[in-house]
Amino acid sequence: MGALTDGESLAKVKWAFASYVALLLEERKIEDFDYVFGPSYKGISLATLTCEGLNELYSVDKRYMYDRKEEKAYGDLSADRIIVGAGYFKEGEKILIVDDTITTGSTKLETFEKLKLLGKHKIVGLVIAVDRQERMGDAEHVEETSAVENIEKEMGIKIFSIENIKTIYDLIKENLDEETKRLWIDYYKKYGTVQLE
């Protein structure tokens, strides 16, 4: 996602996120929400693009918020000390989180903790661009579940991905040389929740 920085790419990202969120709403897979939250840093642009796309394509007007990596230590500290846009938030409102992917899930857990600063709220879901379909852990200790499965089970938050790694691999595998293809397959044999062929 970090490579998609030109206007044409951003327009497609905006369309993808806004259209997918609109579909999830239409199919009642997520509740209506008040805010789109983007975890810093990549999630910030995704939240703004999602809000803009929902407004432009579907006449749905939502606000966005994002978190700061470092606490603000000057100016108005009450509302935006950690979460930018929190000044508009009213207790009990609903939040949709958007981000690029989930690797270990630790960034998302930090996000959920920061959102507690808002007071009572509900997270209606988490939309990611790509589910990497990798198991949690590290090179020595690979767990059975993925970060996506872990968050859904432990936090009770449903995760929706626009794309997943198996679909992406199936789309590009015919254009990969044999060595690169072997690297993908071997990696997912060890770390994947899916197997590639």
N, C-alpha and C. Protein backbone atom coordinates (compact mmCIF):
# COMPACT_ATOMS: atom_id res chain seq x y z
N MET A 1 0.83 -1.20 0.00
CA MET A 1 0.00 0.00 0.00
C MET A 1 0.86 1.25 0.00
N GLY A 2 2.04 1.15 0.62
CA GLY A 2 2.92 2.31 0.69
C GLY A 2 3.42 2.78 -0.64
N ALA A 3 3.38 1.90 -1.64
CA ALA A 3 3.86 2.27 -2.98
C ALA A 3 2.78 2.98 -3.80
N LEU A 4 1.54 2.93 -3.35
CA LEU A 4 0.43 3.53 -4.11
C LEU A 4 0.28 5.00 -3.71
N THR A 5 1.13 5.84 -4.28
CA THR A 5 1.17 7.24 -3.87
C THR A 5 0.78 8.22 -4.97
N ASP A 6 0.53 7.74 -6.19
CA ASP A 6 0.14 8.65 -7.26
C ASP A 6 -1.38 8.79 -7.28
N GLY A 7 -1.85 9.83 -7.94
CA GLY A 7 -3.27 10.14 -7.96
C GLY A 7 -4.14 9.03 -8.50
N GLU A 8 -3.70 8.39 -9.59
CA GLU A 8 -4.49 7.31 -10.19
C GLU A 8 -4.64 6.14 -9.22
N SER A 9 -3.53 5.76 -8.56
CA SER A 9 -3.58 4.66 -7.60
C SER A 9 -4.48 5.00 -6.42
N LEU A 10 -4.36 6.22 -5.92
CA LEU A 10 -5.17 6.62 -4.78
C LEU A 10 -6.66 6.64 -5.12
N ALA A 11 -6.98 7.02 -6.34
CA ALA A 11 -8.39 6.99 -6.77
C ALA A 11 -8.93 5.56 -6.75
N LYS A 12 -8.09 4.60 -7.14
CA LYS A 12 -8.52 3.19 -7.14
C LYS A 12 -8.64 2.66 -5.71
N VAL A 13 -7.71 3.06 -4.84
CA VAL A 13 -7.78 2.66 -3.43
C VAL A 13 -9.06 3.22 -2.81
N LYS A 14 -9.35 4.49 -3.10
CA LYS A 14 -10.57 5.13 -2.59
C LYS A 14 -11.80 4.36 -3.05
N TRP A 15 -11.85 4.02 -4.33
CA TRP A 15 -12.99 3.28 -4.87
C TRP A 15 -13.10 1.92 -4.19
N ALA A 16 -11.97 1.22 -4.04
CA ALA A 16 -11.99 -0.14 -3.47
C ALA A 16 -12.52 -0.13 -2.04
N PHE A 17 -11.98 0.76 -1.21
CA PHE A 17 -12.42 0.80 0.19
C PHE A 17 -13.86 1.28 0.31
N ALA A 18 -14.20 2.36 -0.37
CA ALA A 18 -15.56 2.90 -0.26
C ALA A 18 -16.59 1.90 -0.78
N SER A 19 -16.30 1.28 -1.91
CA SER A 19 -17.25 0.32 -2.50
C SER A 19 -17.42 -0.90 -1.61
N TYR A 20 -16.32 -1.37 -1.04
CA TYR A 20 -16.39 -2.55 -0.19
C TYR A 20 -17.17 -2.25 1.09
N VAL A 21 -16.90 -1.10 1.69
CA VAL A 21 -17.62 -0.70 2.90
C VAL A 21 -19.11 -0.53 2.59
N ALA A 22 -19.43 0.10 1.46
CA ALA A 22 -20.84 0.26 1.06
C ALA A 22 -21.52 -1.09 0.88
N LEU A 23 -20.80 -2.06 0.30
CA LEU A 23 -21.34 -3.41 0.12
C LEU A 23 -21.59 -4.09 1.47
N LEU A 24 -20.63 -3.95 2.39
CA LEU A 24 -20.80 -4.54 3.72
C LEU A 24 -22.01 -3.95 4.43
N LEU A 25 -22.22 -2.65 4.26
CA LEU A 25 -23.41 -2.00 4.84
C LEU A 25 -24.69 -2.52 4.19
N GLU A 26 -24.67 -2.59 2.87
CA GLU A 26 -25.86 -3.04 2.13
C GLU A 26 -26.23 -4.47 2.50
N GLU A 27 -25.21 -5.32 2.67
CA GLU A 27 -25.46 -6.73 3.01
C GLU A 27 -25.64 -6.94 4.51
N ARG A 28 -25.62 -5.84 5.26
CA ARG A 28 -25.79 -5.86 6.72
C ARG A 28 -24.75 -6.73 7.43
N LYS A 29 -23.55 -6.76 6.87
CA LYS A 29 -22.45 -7.49 7.51
C LYS A 29 -21.78 -6.62 8.58
N ILE A 30 -21.95 -5.30 8.45
CA ILE A 30 -21.52 -4.38 9.50
C ILE A 30 -22.69 -3.43 9.79
N GLU A 31 -22.72 -2.94 11.02
CA GLU A 31 -23.71 -1.93 11.39
C GLU A 31 -23.29 -0.59 10.80
N ASP A 32 -24.27 0.30 10.66
CA ASP A 32 -23.93 1.67 10.27
C ASP A 32 -23.02 2.24 11.35
N PHE A 33 -22.19 3.19 10.99
CA PHE A 33 -21.18 3.72 11.91
C PHE A 33 -21.10 5.23 11.77
N ASP A 34 -20.41 5.85 12.70
CA ASP A 34 -20.27 7.31 12.72
C ASP A 34 -18.89 7.77 12.26
N TYR A 35 -17.88 6.95 12.51
CA TYR A 35 -16.49 7.33 12.22
C TYR A 35 -15.75 6.22 11.50
N VAL A 36 -14.81 6.64 10.65
CA VAL A 36 -13.82 5.72 10.09
C VAL A 36 -12.51 6.05 10.79
N PHE A 37 -11.92 5.05 11.42
CA PHE A 37 -10.68 5.25 12.16
C PHE A 37 -9.53 4.60 11.41
N GLY A 38 -8.45 5.36 11.21
CA GLY A 38 -7.25 4.85 10.54
C GLY A 38 -6.06 4.86 11.48
N PRO A 39 -5.54 3.67 11.86
CA PRO A 39 -4.36 3.63 12.73
C PRO A 39 -3.15 4.24 12.01
N SER A 40 -2.37 5.03 12.75
CA SER A 40 -1.20 5.64 12.11
C SER A 40 -0.18 4.53 11.81
N TYR A 41 0.49 4.61 10.70
CA TYR A 41 0.48 5.72 9.76
C TYR A 41 -0.33 5.39 8.49
N LYS A 42 -0.19 4.20 7.96
CA LYS A 42 -0.85 3.89 6.68
C LYS A 42 -2.36 3.99 6.74
N GLY A 43 -2.92 3.71 7.91
CA GLY A 43 -4.37 3.77 8.04
C GLY A 43 -4.96 5.16 7.92
N ILE A 44 -4.12 6.18 8.15
CA ILE A 44 -4.62 7.56 8.10
C ILE A 44 -5.13 7.90 6.70
N SER A 45 -4.31 7.65 5.70
CA SER A 45 -4.75 7.97 4.33
C SER A 45 -5.92 7.08 3.91
N LEU A 46 -5.93 5.84 4.38
CA LEU A 46 -7.03 4.93 4.03
C LEU A 46 -8.35 5.42 4.63
N ALA A 47 -8.29 5.94 5.85
CA ALA A 47 -9.51 6.48 6.48
C ALA A 47 -10.02 7.70 5.72
N THR A 48 -9.11 8.60 5.33
CA THR A 48 -9.55 9.80 4.61
C THR A 48 -10.09 9.42 3.23
N LEU A 49 -9.43 8.50 2.55
CA LEU A 49 -9.90 8.07 1.22
C LEU A 49 -11.25 7.37 1.33
N THR A 50 -11.43 6.56 2.38
CA THR A 50 -12.71 5.87 2.56
C THR A 50 -13.84 6.87 2.78
N CYS A 51 -13.60 7.86 3.64
CA CYS A 51 -14.63 8.89 3.88
C CYS A 51 -14.95 9.67 2.61
N GLU A 52 -13.90 10.06 1.90
CA GLU A 52 -14.12 10.82 0.66
C GLU A 52 -14.86 9.98 -0.36
N GLY A 53 -14.47 8.70 -0.50
CA GLY A 53 -15.13 7.82 -1.46
C GLY A 53 -16.59 7.56 -1.11
N LEU A 54 -16.87 7.33 0.17
CA LEU A 54 -18.26 7.12 0.59
C LEU A 54 -19.12 8.33 0.26
N ASN A 55 -18.56 9.53 0.47
CA ASN A 55 -19.30 10.75 0.18
C ASN A 55 -19.48 10.95 -1.32
N GLU A 56 -18.39 10.79 -2.07
CA GLU A 56 -18.41 11.05 -3.51
C GLU A 56 -19.26 10.03 -4.27
N LEU A 57 -19.11 8.75 -3.92
CA LEU A 57 -19.75 7.68 -4.70
C LEU A 57 -21.13 7.30 -4.18
N TYR A 58 -21.37 7.49 -2.86
CA TYR A 58 -22.61 6.98 -2.27
C TYR A 58 -23.38 8.03 -1.46
N SER A 59 -22.90 9.26 -1.45
CA SER A 59 -23.53 10.35 -0.68
C SER A 59 -23.70 9.97 0.79
N VAL A 60 -22.72 9.25 1.31
CA VAL A 60 -22.69 8.86 2.72
C VAL A 60 -21.62 9.70 3.40
N ASP A 61 -22.03 10.48 4.39
CA ASP A 61 -21.10 11.41 5.03
C ASP A 61 -20.65 10.88 6.38
N LYS A 62 -19.36 10.59 6.51
CA LYS A 62 -18.79 10.10 7.76
C LYS A 62 -17.58 10.95 8.12
N ARG A 63 -17.25 10.99 9.40
CA ARG A 63 -16.04 11.66 9.87
C ARG A 63 -14.94 10.60 10.01
N TYR A 64 -13.69 11.09 10.04
CA TYR A 64 -12.59 10.16 10.30
C TYR A 64 -11.80 10.61 11.51
N MET A 65 -11.12 9.65 12.11
CA MET A 65 -10.20 9.90 13.22
C MET A 65 -8.94 9.07 12.98
N TYR A 66 -7.87 9.49 13.62
CA TYR A 66 -6.64 8.68 13.61
C TYR A 66 -5.88 8.94 14.89
N ASP A 67 -4.96 8.05 15.20
CA ASP A 67 -4.20 8.18 16.43
C ASP A 67 -2.82 8.78 16.15
N ARG A 68 -2.28 9.37 17.18
CA ARG A 68 -0.90 9.88 17.12
C ARG A 68 0.02 8.80 17.69
N LYS A 69 1.19 8.66 17.09
CA LYS A 69 2.19 7.75 17.66
C LYS A 69 2.74 8.33 18.96
N GLU A 70 2.90 9.66 18.98
CA GLU A 70 3.39 10.33 20.17
C GLU A 70 2.29 11.28 20.66
N GLU A 71 2.12 11.36 21.99
CA GLU A 71 1.11 12.25 22.55
C GLU A 71 1.42 13.69 22.22
N LYS A 72 0.37 14.45 21.92
CA LYS A 72 0.51 15.89 21.68
C LYS A 72 0.75 16.58 23.03
N ALA A 73 1.75 17.44 23.08
CA ALA A 73 2.12 18.06 24.36
C ALA A 73 1.94 19.58 24.32
N TYR A 74 1.12 20.09 23.39
CA TYR A 74 0.93 21.53 23.29
C TYR A 74 -0.47 21.81 22.77
N GLY A 75 -0.90 23.07 22.86
CA GLY A 75 -2.21 23.47 22.33
C GLY A 75 -3.35 22.83 23.10
N ASP A 76 -4.45 22.54 22.39
CA ASP A 76 -5.63 21.94 23.01
C ASP A 76 -5.37 20.46 23.28
N LEU A 77 -5.13 20.13 24.53
CA LEU A 77 -4.78 18.75 24.87
C LEU A 77 -6.00 17.88 25.17
N SER A 78 -7.16 18.47 25.33
CA SER A 78 -8.31 17.70 25.79
C SER A 78 -8.79 16.69 24.75
N ALA A 79 -9.00 17.13 23.54
CA ALA A 79 -9.62 16.25 22.55
C ALA A 79 -8.62 15.49 21.69
N ASP A 80 -7.61 16.17 21.23
CA ASP A 80 -6.72 15.57 20.24
C ASP A 80 -5.36 15.15 20.78
N ARG A 81 -5.27 14.95 22.08
CA ARG A 81 -3.98 14.60 22.67
C ARG A 81 -3.42 13.32 22.06
N ILE A 82 -4.28 12.32 21.85
CA ILE A 82 -3.84 11.05 21.28
C ILE A 82 -4.62 10.69 20.02
N ILE A 83 -5.91 11.02 20.00
CA ILE A 83 -6.75 10.69 18.84
C ILE A 83 -7.21 11.97 18.16
N VAL A 84 -6.73 12.17 16.95
CA VAL A 84 -7.10 13.36 16.18
C VAL A 84 -8.53 13.16 15.66
N GLY A 85 -9.36 14.17 15.89
CA GLY A 85 -10.77 14.10 15.49
C GLY A 85 -11.68 13.71 16.64
N ALA A 86 -11.09 13.41 17.80
CA ALA A 86 -11.88 12.98 18.95
C ALA A 86 -12.79 14.07 19.49
N GLY A 87 -12.50 15.32 19.16
CA GLY A 87 -13.30 16.43 19.65
C GLY A 87 -14.76 16.36 19.21
N TYR A 88 -15.03 15.67 18.11
CA TYR A 88 -16.40 15.54 17.62
C TYR A 88 -17.12 14.32 18.20
N PHE A 89 -16.35 13.41 18.78
CA PHE A 89 -16.91 12.13 19.22
C PHE A 89 -17.88 12.31 20.39
N LYS A 90 -19.01 11.58 20.29
CA LYS A 90 -19.99 11.54 21.38
C LYS A 90 -20.07 10.11 21.89
N GLU A 91 -20.15 10.00 23.20
CA GLU A 91 -20.17 8.67 23.81
C GLU A 91 -21.24 7.78 23.20
N GLY A 92 -20.86 6.53 22.92
CA GLY A 92 -21.80 5.55 22.36
C GLY A 92 -21.77 5.46 20.85
N GLU A 93 -21.01 6.33 20.18
CA GLU A 93 -20.97 6.29 18.72
C GLU A 93 -20.18 5.07 18.23
N LYS A 94 -20.37 4.77 16.95
CA LYS A 94 -19.81 3.54 16.36
C LYS A 94 -18.67 3.86 15.41
N ILE A 95 -17.69 2.95 15.39
CA ILE A 95 -16.45 3.18 14.64
C ILE A 95 -16.15 1.99 13.74
N LEU A 96 -15.78 2.30 12.49
CA LEU A 96 -15.23 1.30 11.56
C LEU A 96 -13.74 1.59 11.45
N ILE A 97 -12.92 0.57 11.61
CA ILE A 97 -11.47 0.73 11.48
C ILE A 97 -11.05 0.24 10.09
N VAL A 98 -10.15 0.98 9.44
CA VAL A 98 -9.60 0.56 8.15
C VAL A 98 -8.07 0.56 8.24
N ASP A 99 -7.45 -0.40 7.56
CA ASP A 99 -5.98 -0.46 7.54
C ASP A 99 -5.52 -1.28 6.35
N ASP A 100 -4.19 -1.33 6.16
CA ASP A 100 -3.67 -2.04 5.00
C ASP A 100 -3.68 -3.55 5.19
N THR A 101 -3.17 -4.03 6.33
CA THR A 101 -3.11 -5.47 6.57
C THR A 101 -2.95 -5.72 8.05
N ILE A 102 -2.90 -6.99 8.43
CA ILE A 102 -2.60 -7.38 9.81
C ILE A 102 -1.48 -8.39 9.74
N THR A 103 -0.41 -8.14 10.47
CA THR A 103 0.70 -9.09 10.50
C THR A 103 0.64 -9.87 11.82
N THR A 104 1.06 -9.26 12.91
CA THR A 104 1.01 -9.95 14.21
C THR A 104 -0.25 -9.61 14.98
N GLY A 105 -0.87 -8.49 14.65
CA GLY A 105 -2.06 -8.04 15.37
C GLY A 105 -1.75 -7.07 16.49
N SER A 106 -0.46 -6.87 16.81
CA SER A 106 -0.11 -6.01 17.95
C SER A 106 -0.52 -4.56 17.71
N THR A 107 -0.38 -4.06 16.47
CA THR A 107 -0.78 -2.69 16.17
C THR A 107 -2.29 -2.51 16.37
N LYS A 108 -3.06 -3.52 15.98
CA LYS A 108 -4.51 -3.42 16.14
C LYS A 108 -4.89 -3.44 17.62
N LEU A 109 -4.19 -4.25 18.43
CA LEU A 109 -4.48 -4.28 19.86
C LEU A 109 -4.18 -2.93 20.49
N GLU A 110 -3.09 -2.28 20.05
CA GLU A 110 -2.77 -0.92 20.52
C GLU A 110 -3.89 0.05 20.13
N THR A 111 -4.40 -0.11 18.92
CA THR A 111 -5.50 0.74 18.44
C THR A 111 -6.72 0.58 19.34
N PHE A 112 -7.10 -0.65 19.65
CA PHE A 112 -8.27 -0.88 20.50
C PHE A 112 -8.07 -0.24 21.87
N GLU A 113 -6.86 -0.31 22.40
CA GLU A 113 -6.56 0.31 23.69
C GLU A 113 -6.69 1.83 23.61
N LYS A 114 -6.15 2.43 22.56
CA LYS A 114 -6.24 3.89 22.41
C LYS A 114 -7.69 4.34 22.27
N LEU A 115 -8.49 3.56 21.56
CA LEU A 115 -9.89 3.93 21.36
C LEU A 115 -10.68 3.94 22.68
N LYS A 116 -10.19 3.22 23.68
CA LYS A 116 -10.85 3.23 24.99
C LYS A 116 -10.84 4.64 25.60
N LEU A 117 -9.89 5.47 25.17
CA LEU A 117 -9.80 6.84 25.68
C LEU A 117 -11.03 7.66 25.29
N LEU A 118 -11.74 7.23 24.26
CA LEU A 118 -12.94 7.95 23.82
C LEU A 118 -14.10 7.77 24.79
N GLY A 119 -14.03 6.75 25.61
CA GLY A 119 -15.18 6.39 26.43
C GLY A 119 -15.98 5.31 25.74
N LYS A 120 -17.24 5.21 26.08
CA LYS A 120 -18.09 4.15 25.53
C LYS A 120 -18.22 4.31 24.01
N HIS A 121 -17.92 3.24 23.30
CA HIS A 121 -18.03 3.23 21.83
C HIS A 121 -18.19 1.78 21.38
N LYS A 122 -18.50 1.60 20.11
CA LYS A 122 -18.59 0.25 19.54
C LYS A 122 -17.81 0.21 18.24
N ILE A 123 -16.97 -0.82 18.10
CA ILE A 123 -16.26 -1.05 16.84
C ILE A 123 -17.12 -2.00 16.03
N VAL A 124 -17.59 -1.54 14.86
CA VAL A 124 -18.50 -2.36 14.05
C VAL A 124 -17.76 -3.35 13.18
N GLY A 125 -16.45 -3.15 13.00
CA GLY A 125 -15.66 -4.06 12.18
C GLY A 125 -14.34 -3.43 11.80
N LEU A 126 -13.51 -4.25 11.18
CA LEU A 126 -12.20 -3.82 10.71
C LEU A 126 -12.06 -4.26 9.26
N VAL A 127 -11.83 -3.29 8.37
CA VAL A 127 -11.65 -3.59 6.95
C VAL A 127 -10.18 -3.41 6.61
N ILE A 128 -9.57 -4.48 6.08
CA ILE A 128 -8.17 -4.41 5.65
C ILE A 128 -8.08 -4.62 4.15
N ALA A 129 -7.04 -4.07 3.55
CA ALA A 129 -6.85 -4.24 2.11
C ALA A 129 -6.52 -5.68 1.79
N VAL A 130 -5.57 -6.27 2.54
CA VAL A 130 -5.11 -7.63 2.23
C VAL A 130 -4.98 -8.46 3.50
N ASP A 131 -5.61 -9.64 3.49
CA ASP A 131 -5.38 -10.63 4.53
C ASP A 131 -4.17 -11.45 4.08
N ARG A 132 -3.07 -11.34 4.81
CA ARG A 132 -1.84 -12.04 4.43
C ARG A 132 -1.93 -13.54 4.69
N GLN A 133 -2.93 -13.97 5.42
CA GLN A 133 -3.17 -15.38 5.70
C GLN A 133 -1.92 -16.07 6.25
N GLU A 134 -1.29 -15.38 7.22
CA GLU A 134 -0.11 -15.91 7.89
C GLU A 134 -0.43 -16.23 9.33
N ARG A 135 0.24 -17.27 9.84
CA ARG A 135 0.05 -17.63 11.24
C ARG A 135 0.86 -16.69 12.13
N MET A 136 0.41 -16.54 13.37
CA MET A 136 1.10 -15.69 14.32
C MET A 136 2.38 -16.39 14.80
N GLY A 137 3.24 -15.58 15.42
CA GLY A 137 4.48 -16.13 15.97
C GLY A 137 5.69 -15.51 15.30
N ASP A 138 6.81 -16.20 15.42
CA ASP A 138 8.05 -15.74 14.79
C ASP A 138 8.73 -16.91 14.10
N ALA A 139 9.97 -16.71 13.66
CA ALA A 139 10.68 -17.74 12.89
C ALA A 139 10.82 -19.05 13.67
N GLU A 140 10.91 -18.96 15.00
CA GLU A 140 11.11 -20.17 15.81
C GLU A 140 9.82 -20.76 16.35
N HIS A 141 8.85 -19.92 16.67
CA HIS A 141 7.61 -20.39 17.28
C HIS A 141 6.42 -19.93 16.45
N VAL A 142 5.95 -20.81 15.58
CA VAL A 142 4.82 -20.50 14.72
C VAL A 142 3.55 -21.05 15.36
N GLU A 143 2.57 -20.19 15.55
CA GLU A 143 1.32 -20.62 16.17
C GLU A 143 0.37 -21.18 15.11
N GLU A 144 -0.72 -21.76 15.58
CA GLU A 144 -1.68 -22.37 14.67
C GLU A 144 -2.62 -21.35 14.04
N THR A 145 -2.94 -20.28 14.76
CA THR A 145 -3.92 -19.32 14.27
C THR A 145 -3.27 -18.09 13.66
N SER A 146 -4.01 -17.41 12.82
CA SER A 146 -3.54 -16.15 12.23
C SER A 146 -3.93 -15.00 13.15
N ALA A 147 -3.33 -13.84 12.91
CA ALA A 147 -3.68 -12.65 13.68
C ALA A 147 -5.15 -12.29 13.46
N VAL A 148 -5.64 -12.48 12.24
CA VAL A 148 -7.05 -12.19 11.94
C VAL A 148 -7.95 -13.07 12.80
N GLU A 149 -7.66 -14.39 12.82
CA GLU A 149 -8.47 -15.32 13.63
C GLU A 149 -8.38 -14.97 15.11
N ASN A 150 -7.18 -14.60 15.56
CA ASN A 150 -6.97 -14.28 16.98
C ASN A 150 -7.78 -13.06 17.40
N ILE A 151 -7.76 -12.00 16.59
CA ILE A 151 -8.51 -10.78 16.93
C ILE A 151 -10.01 -11.06 16.92
N GLU A 152 -10.47 -11.81 15.92
CA GLU A 152 -11.90 -12.13 15.86
C GLU A 152 -12.33 -12.92 17.09
N LYS A 153 -11.49 -13.88 17.51
CA LYS A 153 -11.83 -14.72 18.65
C LYS A 153 -11.68 -13.98 19.98
N GLU A 154 -10.55 -13.32 20.18
CA GLU A 154 -10.26 -12.69 21.47
C GLU A 154 -11.01 -11.37 21.68
N MET A 155 -11.15 -10.59 20.62
CA MET A 155 -11.76 -9.26 20.76
C MET A 155 -13.22 -9.23 20.28
N GLY A 156 -13.62 -10.26 19.57
CA GLY A 156 -14.99 -10.29 19.05
C GLY A 156 -15.25 -9.27 17.96
N ILE A 157 -14.17 -8.87 17.26
CA ILE A 157 -14.30 -7.87 16.19
C ILE A 157 -14.15 -8.58 14.85
N LYS A 158 -15.15 -8.45 14.01
CA LYS A 158 -15.14 -9.11 12.70
C LYS A 158 -14.21 -8.36 11.76
N ILE A 159 -13.39 -9.12 11.02
CA ILE A 159 -12.43 -8.54 10.08
C ILE A 159 -12.84 -8.93 8.67
N PHE A 160 -12.83 -7.93 7.78
CA PHE A 160 -13.18 -8.11 6.38
C PHE A 160 -11.99 -7.68 5.53
N SER A 161 -11.59 -8.53 4.59
CA SER A 161 -10.47 -8.15 3.73
C SER A 161 -10.96 -7.98 2.29
N ILE A 162 -10.46 -6.93 1.66
CA ILE A 162 -10.80 -6.69 0.26
C ILE A 162 -10.19 -7.79 -0.60
N GLU A 163 -8.98 -8.20 -0.25
CA GLU A 163 -8.28 -9.25 -0.99
C GLU A 163 -7.54 -10.13 0.01
N ASN A 164 -7.11 -11.32 -0.43
CA ASN A 164 -6.26 -12.16 0.41
C ASN A 164 -5.08 -12.67 -0.42
N ILE A 165 -4.08 -13.18 0.27
CA ILE A 165 -2.83 -13.52 -0.39
C ILE A 165 -3.00 -14.67 -1.39
N LYS A 166 -3.89 -15.62 -1.08
CA LYS A 166 -4.08 -16.75 -2.01
C LYS A 166 -4.63 -16.27 -3.34
N THR A 167 -5.60 -15.36 -3.30
CA THR A 167 -6.16 -14.81 -4.54
C THR A 167 -5.10 -14.03 -5.31
N ILE A 168 -4.31 -13.23 -4.60
CA ILE A 168 -3.26 -12.46 -5.25
C ILE A 168 -2.24 -13.38 -5.90
N TYR A 169 -1.82 -14.42 -5.17
CA TYR A 169 -0.86 -15.38 -5.72
C TYR A 169 -1.42 -16.06 -6.97
N ASP A 170 -2.67 -16.50 -6.91
CA ASP A 170 -3.29 -17.16 -8.07
C ASP A 170 -3.33 -16.24 -9.30
N LEU A 171 -3.46 -14.93 -9.05
CA LEU A 171 -3.49 -13.96 -10.16
C LEU A 171 -2.12 -13.75 -10.80
N ILE A 172 -1.05 -13.86 -10.00
CA ILE A 172 0.29 -13.52 -10.51
C ILE A 172 1.20 -14.71 -10.76
N LYS A 173 0.82 -15.91 -10.31
CA LYS A 173 1.77 -17.03 -10.33
C LYS A 173 2.25 -17.40 -11.74
N GLU A 174 1.42 -17.21 -12.75
CA GLU A 174 1.84 -17.55 -14.11
C GLU A 174 2.94 -16.63 -14.61
N ASN A 175 3.09 -15.46 -13.99
CA ASN A 175 4.12 -14.50 -14.40
C ASN A 175 5.38 -14.56 -13.52
N LEU A 176 5.41 -15.49 -12.57
CA LEU A 176 6.56 -15.62 -11.68
C LEU A 176 7.54 -16.66 -12.22
N ASP A 177 8.83 -16.40 -12.03
CA ASP A 177 9.81 -17.43 -12.40
C ASP A 177 9.73 -18.55 -11.36
N GLU A 178 10.30 -19.70 -11.70
CA GLU A 178 10.17 -20.88 -10.84
C GLU A 178 10.75 -20.67 -9.46
N GLU A 179 11.86 -19.96 -9.35
CA GLU A 179 12.49 -19.71 -8.05
C GLU A 179 11.60 -18.86 -7.15
N THR A 180 11.05 -17.79 -7.71
CA THR A 180 10.17 -16.92 -6.93
C THR A 180 8.92 -17.68 -6.51
N LYS A 181 8.38 -18.47 -7.42
CA LYS A 181 7.19 -19.28 -7.10
C LYS A 181 7.50 -20.25 -5.95
N ARG A 182 8.69 -20.88 -6.01
CA ARG A 182 9.08 -21.82 -4.96
C ARG A 182 9.20 -21.11 -3.60
N LEU A 183 9.74 -19.88 -3.61
CA LEU A 183 9.87 -19.12 -2.37
C LEU A 183 8.50 -18.83 -1.74
N TRP A 184 7.54 -18.44 -2.58
CA TRP A 184 6.17 -18.20 -2.09
C TRP A 184 5.60 -19.48 -1.46
N ILE A 185 5.71 -20.59 -2.21
CA ILE A 185 5.13 -21.86 -1.75
C ILE A 185 5.78 -22.31 -0.45
N ASP A 186 7.12 -22.25 -0.39
CA ASP A 186 7.83 -22.69 0.83
C ASP A 186 7.48 -21.82 2.03
N TYR A 187 7.39 -20.52 1.81
CA TYR A 187 7.05 -19.60 2.89
C TYR A 187 5.68 -19.94 3.47
N TYR A 188 4.71 -20.18 2.60
CA TYR A 188 3.35 -20.45 3.07
C TYR A 188 3.20 -21.86 3.63
N LYS A 189 4.10 -22.79 3.24
CA LYS A 189 4.09 -24.11 3.89
C LYS A 189 4.43 -23.96 5.37
N LYS A 190 5.35 -23.05 5.68
CA LYS A 190 5.79 -22.86 7.06
C LYS A 190 4.91 -21.89 7.84
N TYR A 191 4.55 -20.78 7.23
CA TYR A 191 3.88 -19.71 7.96
C TYR A 191 2.43 -19.47 7.59
N GLY A 192 1.95 -20.12 6.56
CA GLY A 192 0.62 -19.80 6.05
C GLY A 192 -0.52 -20.51 6.73
N THR A 193 -1.68 -19.87 6.72
CA THR A 193 -2.91 -20.55 7.11
C THR A 193 -3.56 -21.18 5.87
N VAL A 194 -2.99 -20.89 4.71
CA VAL A 194 -3.40 -21.51 3.44
C VAL A 194 -2.14 -22.03 2.77
N GLN A 195 -2.32 -22.97 1.86
CA GLN A 195 -1.19 -23.47 1.10
C GLN A 195 -1.31 -23.00 -0.34
N LEU A 196 -0.18 -22.61 -0.92
CA LEU A 196 -0.15 -22.15 -2.31
C LEU A 196 0.37 -23.26 -3.19
N GLU A 197 -0.03 -23.24 -4.47
CA GLU A 197 0.46 -24.28 -5.39
C GLU A 197 0.73 -23.69 -6.76
